[in-house]
Protein backbone atom coordinates (compact mmCIF):
# COMPACT_ATOMS: atom_id res chain seq x y z
CA UNK A 1 3.16 32.23 -9.44
CA UNK A 2 6.46 32.19 -7.57
CA UNK A 3 6.86 35.89 -6.70
CA UNK A 4 6.68 35.45 -2.91
CA UNK A 5 9.66 33.08 -2.77
CA UNK A 6 13.06 34.69 -2.56
CA UNK A 7 15.19 34.46 -5.68
CA UNK A 8 18.34 32.34 -5.36
CA UNK A 9 20.26 32.16 -8.62
CA UNK A 10 21.83 28.79 -7.82
CA UNK A 11 18.44 27.22 -7.12
CA UNK A 12 16.93 28.80 -10.22
CA UNK A 13 19.71 27.34 -12.37
CA UNK A 14 19.30 23.95 -10.73
CA UNK A 15 15.55 23.98 -11.38
CA UNK A 16 16.17 24.71 -15.06
CA UNK A 17 18.72 21.87 -15.16
CA UNK A 18 16.27 19.46 -13.50
CA UNK A 19 13.54 20.33 -16.00
CA UNK A 20 15.94 19.95 -18.92
CA UNK A 21 17.43 16.64 -17.76
CA UNK A 22 14.04 15.13 -17.00
CA UNK A 23 12.69 16.32 -20.34
CA UNK A 24 15.65 14.66 -22.07
CA UNK A 25 15.80 11.51 -19.97
CA UNK A 26 12.19 10.65 -19.23
CA UNK A 27 10.88 8.41 -21.97
CA UNK A 28 7.07 8.25 -21.95
CA UNK A 29 5.77 4.85 -22.95
CA UNK A 30 2.18 5.16 -24.24
CA UNK A 31 1.63 1.38 -24.22
CA UNK A 32 2.80 1.07 -20.59
CA UNK A 33 0.73 4.11 -19.64
CA UNK A 34 -2.50 2.78 -21.14
CA UNK A 35 -1.88 -0.75 -19.82
CA UNK A 36 -1.31 0.39 -16.24
CA UNK A 37 -4.24 2.81 -16.31
CA UNK A 38 -6.63 0.08 -17.41
CA UNK A 39 -5.06 -2.44 -15.03
CA UNK A 40 -5.65 -0.08 -12.11
CA UNK A 41 -9.18 0.63 -13.30
CA UNK A 42 -10.09 -3.04 -13.69
CA UNK A 43 -8.42 -3.92 -10.39
CA UNK A 44 -9.84 -1.34 -7.98
CA UNK A 45 -13.26 -0.48 -9.38
CA UNK A 46 -14.61 -4.04 -9.95
CA UNK A 47 -13.41 -5.11 -6.49
CA UNK A 48 -15.11 -2.08 -4.99
CA UNK A 49 -18.25 -2.87 -7.00
CA UNK A 50 -18.33 -6.48 -5.80
CA UNK A 51 -17.84 -5.44 -2.19
CA UNK A 52 -20.61 -2.87 -2.50
CA UNK A 53 -22.98 -5.39 -4.11
CA UNK A 54 -22.22 -7.85 -1.30
CA UNK A 55 -23.68 -5.37 1.20
CA UNK A 56 -27.14 -6.14 -0.20
CA UNK A 57 -26.68 -9.92 -0.28
CA UNK A 58 -24.97 -10.80 3.00
CA UNK A 59 -26.93 -12.00 6.02
CA UNK A 60 -24.04 -12.33 8.46
CA UNK A 61 -23.48 -9.04 10.36
CA UNK A 62 -19.74 -9.65 10.85
CA UNK A 63 -19.30 -10.26 7.12
CA UNK A 64 -21.37 -7.15 6.44
CA UNK A 65 -19.12 -5.01 8.67
CA UNK A 66 -15.97 -6.45 7.08
CA UNK A 67 -17.33 -5.82 3.58
CA UNK A 68 -18.18 -2.22 4.44
CA UNK A 69 -14.65 -1.60 5.76
CA UNK A 70 -13.04 -3.34 2.78
CA UNK A 71 -15.16 -1.29 0.37
CA UNK A 72 -14.04 1.93 2.05
CA UNK A 73 -10.39 0.92 1.77
CA UNK A 74 -10.58 -0.13 -1.90
CA UNK A 75 -12.58 2.91 -3.02
CA UNK A 76 -10.01 5.10 -1.26
CA UNK A 77 -7.18 3.39 -3.15
CA UNK A 78 -9.17 3.89 -6.35
CA UNK A 79 -9.38 7.60 -5.53
CA UNK A 80 -5.67 7.73 -4.70
CA UNK A 81 -4.83 6.24 -8.09
CA UNK A 82 -7.12 8.38 -10.23
CA UNK A 83 -8.54 11.53 -8.61
CA UNK A 84 -5.21 13.25 -7.96
CA UNK A 85 -4.10 12.78 -11.56
CA UNK A 86 -7.48 13.87 -12.87
CA UNK A 87 -7.17 17.04 -10.77
CA UNK A 88 -3.83 17.80 -12.45
CA UNK A 89 -5.09 16.86 -15.94
CA UNK A 90 -2.54 14.10 -16.54
CA UNK A 91 -4.82 11.31 -17.80
CA UNK A 92 -6.95 12.71 -20.63
CA UNK A 93 -6.02 15.55 -22.98
CA UNK A 94 -9.38 17.18 -22.33
CA UNK A 95 -9.52 19.23 -19.11
CA UNK A 96 -13.31 18.93 -19.09
CA UNK A 97 -13.18 15.12 -19.12
CA UNK A 98 -10.48 15.10 -16.44
CA UNK A 99 -12.54 17.43 -14.28
CA UNK A 100 -15.75 15.42 -14.74
CA UNK A 101 -14.01 12.18 -13.73
CA UNK A 102 -12.36 13.96 -10.80
CA UNK A 103 -15.72 15.20 -9.50
CA UNK A 104 -17.29 11.77 -9.93
CA UNK A 105 -14.58 9.98 -7.95
CA UNK A 106 -14.53 12.59 -5.20
CA UNK A 107 -18.31 12.24 -4.92
CA UNK A 108 -17.83 8.50 -4.38
CA UNK A 109 -15.66 9.18 -1.32
CA UNK A 110 -17.90 11.98 -0.05
CA UNK A 111 -15.59 14.96 -0.50
CA UNK A 112 -16.42 18.17 -2.35
CA UNK A 113 -14.24 18.09 -5.45
CA UNK A 114 -14.17 21.77 -6.45
CA UNK A 115 -13.27 23.01 -2.97
CA UNK A 116 -10.35 20.62 -2.62
CA UNK A 117 -9.00 21.19 -6.13
CA UNK A 118 -8.95 24.96 -5.86
CA UNK A 119 -7.15 25.00 -2.52
CA UNK A 120 -4.81 22.14 -3.46
CA UNK A 121 -3.51 23.65 -6.69
CA UNK A 122 -3.57 27.35 -5.86
CA UNK A 123 -2.44 27.09 -2.25
CA UNK A 124 -0.73 23.83 -1.33
CA UNK A 125 1.26 23.41 -4.54
CA UNK A 126 2.34 27.03 -4.49
CA UNK A 127 3.91 27.01 -1.01
CA UNK A 128 3.68 23.69 0.88
CA UNK A 129 4.14 23.87 4.65
CA UNK A 130 4.21 27.67 4.65
CA UNK A 131 1.82 29.04 7.25
CA UNK A 132 -0.47 31.66 5.75
CA UNK A 133 -0.15 30.20 2.26
CA UNK A 134 -0.73 26.45 2.51
CA UNK A 135 -4.36 25.94 3.47
CA UNK A 136 -3.67 22.26 4.19
CA UNK A 137 -2.13 23.45 7.44
CA UNK A 138 -5.56 24.63 8.58
CA UNK A 139 -6.75 21.16 9.46
CA UNK A 140 -7.43 21.48 13.16
CA UNK A 141 -6.08 23.34 16.17
CA UNK A 142 -5.97 19.97 17.94
CA UNK A 143 -2.72 19.06 16.17
CA UNK A 144 0.40 21.22 16.24
CA UNK A 145 3.10 20.50 13.64
CA UNK A 146 4.38 23.99 12.73
CA UNK A 147 7.40 25.25 14.72
CA UNK A 148 6.75 28.45 16.66
CA UNK A 149 3.01 28.16 16.06
CA UNK A 150 0.45 28.86 18.80
CA UNK A 151 0.78 26.43 21.69
CA UNK A 152 -2.27 25.20 23.61
CA UNK A 153 -2.11 23.33 26.90
CA UNK A 154 -3.54 20.17 25.33
CA UNK A 155 -0.75 19.96 22.74
CA UNK A 156 1.35 18.48 25.53
CA UNK A 157 -0.64 15.27 25.04
CA UNK A 158 -1.13 15.38 21.25
CA UNK A 159 1.10 12.39 20.50
CA UNK A 160 -1.22 10.35 22.73
CA UNK A 161 -4.60 11.51 21.45
CA UNK A 162 -3.63 12.07 17.79
CA UNK A 163 -4.29 8.47 16.62
CA UNK A 164 -7.76 8.62 18.17
CA UNK A 165 -8.44 12.04 16.65
CA UNK A 166 -7.24 10.80 13.26
CA UNK A 167 -9.96 8.13 13.20
CA UNK A 168 -12.57 10.89 12.76
CA UNK A 169 -10.83 12.75 9.95
CA UNK A 170 -12.76 11.54 6.89
CA UNK A 171 -16.09 12.15 8.64
CA UNK A 172 -14.86 15.58 9.70
CA UNK A 173 -13.77 16.34 6.12
CA UNK A 174 -17.05 15.22 4.55
CA UNK A 175 -19.58 16.59 7.02
CA UNK A 176 -17.80 19.56 8.64
CA UNK A 177 -14.70 20.83 6.83
CA UNK A 178 -16.27 20.95 3.35
CA UNK A 179 -19.29 22.86 4.66
CA UNK A 180 -17.13 25.36 6.58
CA UNK A 181 -14.96 26.02 3.52
CA UNK A 182 -17.87 26.15 1.09
CA UNK A 183 -19.77 28.76 3.12
CA UNK A 184 -16.72 30.63 4.40
CA UNK A 185 -15.74 34.04 3.06
CA UNK A 186 -12.12 33.53 4.06
CA UNK A 187 -9.23 32.67 1.71
CA UNK A 188 -10.73 34.78 -1.06
CA UNK A 189 -13.91 32.73 -1.35
CA UNK A 190 -16.57 34.57 -3.31
CA UNK A 191 -20.30 34.32 -2.79
CA UNK A 192 -21.45 31.04 -4.29
CA UNK A 193 -23.99 30.92 -7.09
CA UNK A 194 -27.11 28.78 -7.05
CA UNK A 195 -25.41 26.33 -9.43
CA UNK A 196 -22.34 26.04 -7.18
CA UNK A 197 -24.55 25.33 -4.18
CA UNK A 198 -26.37 22.76 -6.30
CA UNK A 199 -23.14 20.96 -7.19
CA UNK A 200 -22.08 20.96 -3.56
CA UNK A 201 -25.28 19.52 -2.12
CA UNK A 202 -25.78 17.05 -4.99
CA UNK A 203 -22.34 15.54 -4.32
CA UNK A 204 -23.09 15.21 -0.62
CA UNK A 205 -26.52 13.73 -1.31
CA UNK A 206 -25.06 11.22 -3.78
CA UNK A 207 -22.61 10.00 -1.14
CA UNK A 208 -25.24 9.68 1.59
CA UNK A 209 -27.56 7.89 -0.82
CA UNK A 210 -24.82 5.47 -1.85
CA UNK A 211 -23.52 4.50 1.58
CA UNK A 212 -26.33 5.24 4.04
CA UNK A 213 -29.81 5.41 2.52
CA UNK A 214 -29.57 2.56 0.00
CA UNK A 215 -27.96 0.08 2.45
CA UNK A 216 -30.57 0.95 5.09
CA UNK A 217 -33.38 0.47 2.59
CA UNK A 218 -32.20 -2.63 0.71
CA UNK A 219 -29.69 -4.53 2.86
CA UNK A 220 -30.77 -7.26 5.30
CA UNK A 221 -29.75 -5.26 8.36
CA UNK A 222 -31.39 -2.61 10.56
CA UNK A 223 -30.39 1.03 10.31
CA UNK A 224 -28.16 0.92 13.40
CA UNK A 225 -26.06 -1.91 11.96
CA UNK A 226 -25.62 0.03 8.71
CA UNK A 227 -24.60 3.17 10.60
CA UNK A 228 -22.19 1.14 12.76
CA UNK A 229 -20.62 -0.31 9.60
CA UNK A 230 -20.43 3.16 8.06
CA UNK A 231 -18.66 4.55 11.12
CA UNK A 232 -16.30 1.58 11.34
CA UNK A 233 -15.39 2.06 7.67
CA UNK A 234 -14.52 5.69 8.35
CA UNK A 235 -12.32 4.81 11.31
CA UNK A 236 -10.03 2.66 9.18
CA UNK A 237 -10.39 4.90 6.14
CA UNK A 238 -9.44 7.96 8.17
CA UNK A 239 -6.33 6.39 9.68
CA UNK A 240 -4.98 5.27 6.32
CA UNK A 241 -5.93 8.51 4.58
CA UNK A 242 -4.56 10.93 7.13
CA UNK A 243 -1.38 9.05 7.99
CA UNK A 244 -0.57 8.74 4.27
CA UNK A 245 -1.29 12.44 3.73
CA UNK A 246 0.66 13.52 6.80
CA UNK A 247 3.70 11.46 5.91
CA UNK A 248 4.07 13.33 2.63
CA UNK A 249 4.77 16.62 4.43
CA UNK A 250 4.86 16.18 8.19
CA UNK A 251 7.75 14.04 9.40
CA UNK A 252 10.79 14.98 11.49
CA UNK A 253 12.98 16.32 8.70
CA UNK A 254 10.44 18.21 6.60
CA UNK A 255 10.87 21.99 6.59
CA UNK A 256 8.35 24.69 7.47
CA UNK A 257 9.57 27.86 5.72
CA UNK A 258 8.69 31.15 7.38
CA UNK A 259 7.72 34.53 5.96
CA UNK A 260 8.78 38.10 6.70
CA UNK A 261 6.49 41.01 7.53
CA UNK A 262 5.84 41.56 3.82
CA UNK A 263 4.82 37.95 3.24
CA UNK A 264 7.98 36.89 1.41
CA UNK A 265 8.96 33.26 1.95
CA UNK A 266 12.50 32.72 3.22
CA UNK A 267 13.46 30.11 0.64
CA UNK A 268 13.37 29.53 -3.10
CA UNK A 269 10.39 27.83 -4.75
CA UNK A 270 12.56 24.81 -5.59
CA UNK A 271 13.81 24.27 -2.07
CA UNK A 272 10.35 24.89 -0.64
CA UNK A 273 8.99 22.00 -2.72
CA UNK A 274 11.89 19.65 -1.95
CA UNK A 275 12.54 20.29 1.72
CA UNK A 276 8.90 20.38 2.79
CA UNK A 277 8.04 17.06 1.10
CA UNK A 278 8.82 13.46 2.03
CA UNK A 279 9.15 10.42 -0.22
CA UNK A 280 8.36 6.82 0.72
CA UNK A 281 9.97 4.08 -1.39
CA UNK A 282 10.60 6.55 -4.27
CA UNK A 283 11.99 3.94 -6.68
CA UNK A 284 9.50 1.18 -5.95
CA UNK A 285 7.10 0.36 -8.78
CA UNK A 286 4.74 -1.67 -6.51
CA UNK A 287 4.54 1.12 -3.90
CA UNK A 288 3.92 3.67 -6.63
CA UNK A 289 1.23 1.43 -8.17
CA UNK A 290 -0.64 0.92 -4.89
CA UNK A 291 -0.37 4.46 -3.51
CA UNK A 292 -1.00 6.23 -6.80
CA UNK A 293 2.23 8.24 -6.65
CA UNK A 294 1.56 9.77 -3.21
CA UNK A 295 4.76 8.08 -2.05
CA UNK A 296 6.71 10.16 -4.63
CA UNK A 297 5.77 13.58 -3.38
CA UNK A 298 8.88 15.53 -4.31
CA UNK A 299 8.53 14.47 -7.93
CA UNK A 300 4.85 15.33 -7.84
CA UNK A 301 5.45 18.84 -6.53
CA UNK A 302 8.10 19.55 -9.14
CA UNK A 303 6.24 17.80 -11.96
CA UNK A 304 2.49 17.90 -11.23
CA UNK A 305 1.85 17.75 -14.98
CA UNK A 306 3.49 14.29 -15.19
CA UNK A 307 1.36 11.21 -14.47
CA UNK A 308 2.40 9.27 -11.37
CA UNK A 309 3.26 6.04 -13.21
CA UNK A 310 6.43 7.77 -14.43
CA UNK A 311 7.62 8.89 -10.98
CA UNK A 312 9.97 5.95 -10.19
CA UNK A 313 11.70 6.50 -13.54
CA UNK A 314 11.72 10.26 -13.04
CA UNK A 315 13.20 9.87 -9.55
CA UNK A 316 16.29 8.15 -10.91
CA UNK A 317 17.09 11.34 -12.78
CA UNK A 318 15.91 13.72 -10.07
CA UNK A 319 17.69 12.08 -7.12
CA UNK A 320 20.95 11.89 -9.07
CA UNK A 321 20.86 15.62 -9.80
CA UNK A 322 19.92 16.53 -6.24
CA UNK A 323 22.66 14.36 -4.73
CA UNK A 324 25.21 15.79 -7.14
CA UNK A 325 24.28 19.25 -5.88
CA UNK A 326 24.54 18.33 -2.21
CA UNK A 327 20.78 18.09 -1.61
CA UNK A 328 19.46 15.09 0.29
CA UNK A 329 15.74 14.54 -0.29
CA UNK A 330 13.60 13.58 2.71
CA UNK A 331 12.91 9.87 2.49
CA UNK A 332 11.36 7.25 4.78
CA UNK A 333 9.73 3.87 4.46
CA UNK A 334 5.93 3.83 4.84
CA UNK A 335 6.04 2.59 8.44
CA UNK A 336 9.14 4.65 9.10
CA UNK A 337 7.10 7.66 8.04
CA UNK A 338 4.36 6.76 10.53
CA UNK A 339 6.96 6.55 13.33
CA UNK A 340 8.62 9.78 12.21
CA UNK A 341 5.29 11.60 12.14
CA UNK A 342 4.52 10.49 15.68
CA UNK A 343 7.99 11.64 16.75
CA UNK A 344 7.27 15.02 15.18
CA UNK A 345 4.05 15.24 17.20
CA UNK A 346 6.04 14.38 20.34
CA UNK A 347 8.60 17.07 19.55
CA UNK A 348 5.91 19.67 18.85
CA UNK A 349 4.18 18.75 22.12
CA UNK A 350 6.90 20.72 23.85
CA UNK A 351 6.89 24.51 24.05
């Protein structure tokens, strides 16, 4: 669905050329694909399993806290490397198997899978950074990143309080945002069935059982130590999660296309995807391996049906075509993206 973007013949021709050149030049390697998939699986999941098991063995509270934080970080990387691709059906041929694995992994990190997937694919991928279309922009009124958006008095200080606010994001997502979205009638949400409510609450219960109830019951520490470890895990998890997410679309040079009174977006679909996204180390195999392709966001938005292990190879073709057509993709390093995001917050702190 691209009917709300304006038609620009030059961009349409370029998009067709990009698809054709990538189709001709990208050489899928089934052996490499299977090897890297299993390598990721046997790297992240066993480490996460060992860290989780250690929670029930350790007697030192400092070690317990460190293990809890490390588990949260590793399980998040595991989700980065698998859930996004499962959501876009790029691992298994069966959509049902992809969806089942996607739900399972999202349940492990506490988020409601179906809510995120629907909004991500139908909203964010359709028109990233476009207010009124991209539901990812509805994170919180505490942070202002959209030019000409509503300005509150406290936005003047947002570049100071943002890092502190970011430490609460994963908790906010799991225990507030998901509930608001699930029970909201906005954004075309229909009344949920009994089964849908069952899926929602069973995923939340599974997460609480895994990381709160079982450690309280079977670890060697009192409930307040477990809760402290749980909160500490979320502080570090939230910072890494949100900064990585924000750097894919919210740095100084990313665009925020506007709409007219009829809801038409003032750019083509192609340029919306390119100019509103930011890449971090787009040709780096190690960065792509660790971050699960989130660092190659332009490629992902143009080719969501392609698994992320192919993005560095795909970018060699894509960047060449874009540069030949006078288009410079947004690109930062990881830490450069963090700095650029904070500069954007500072800029948007002004009226």
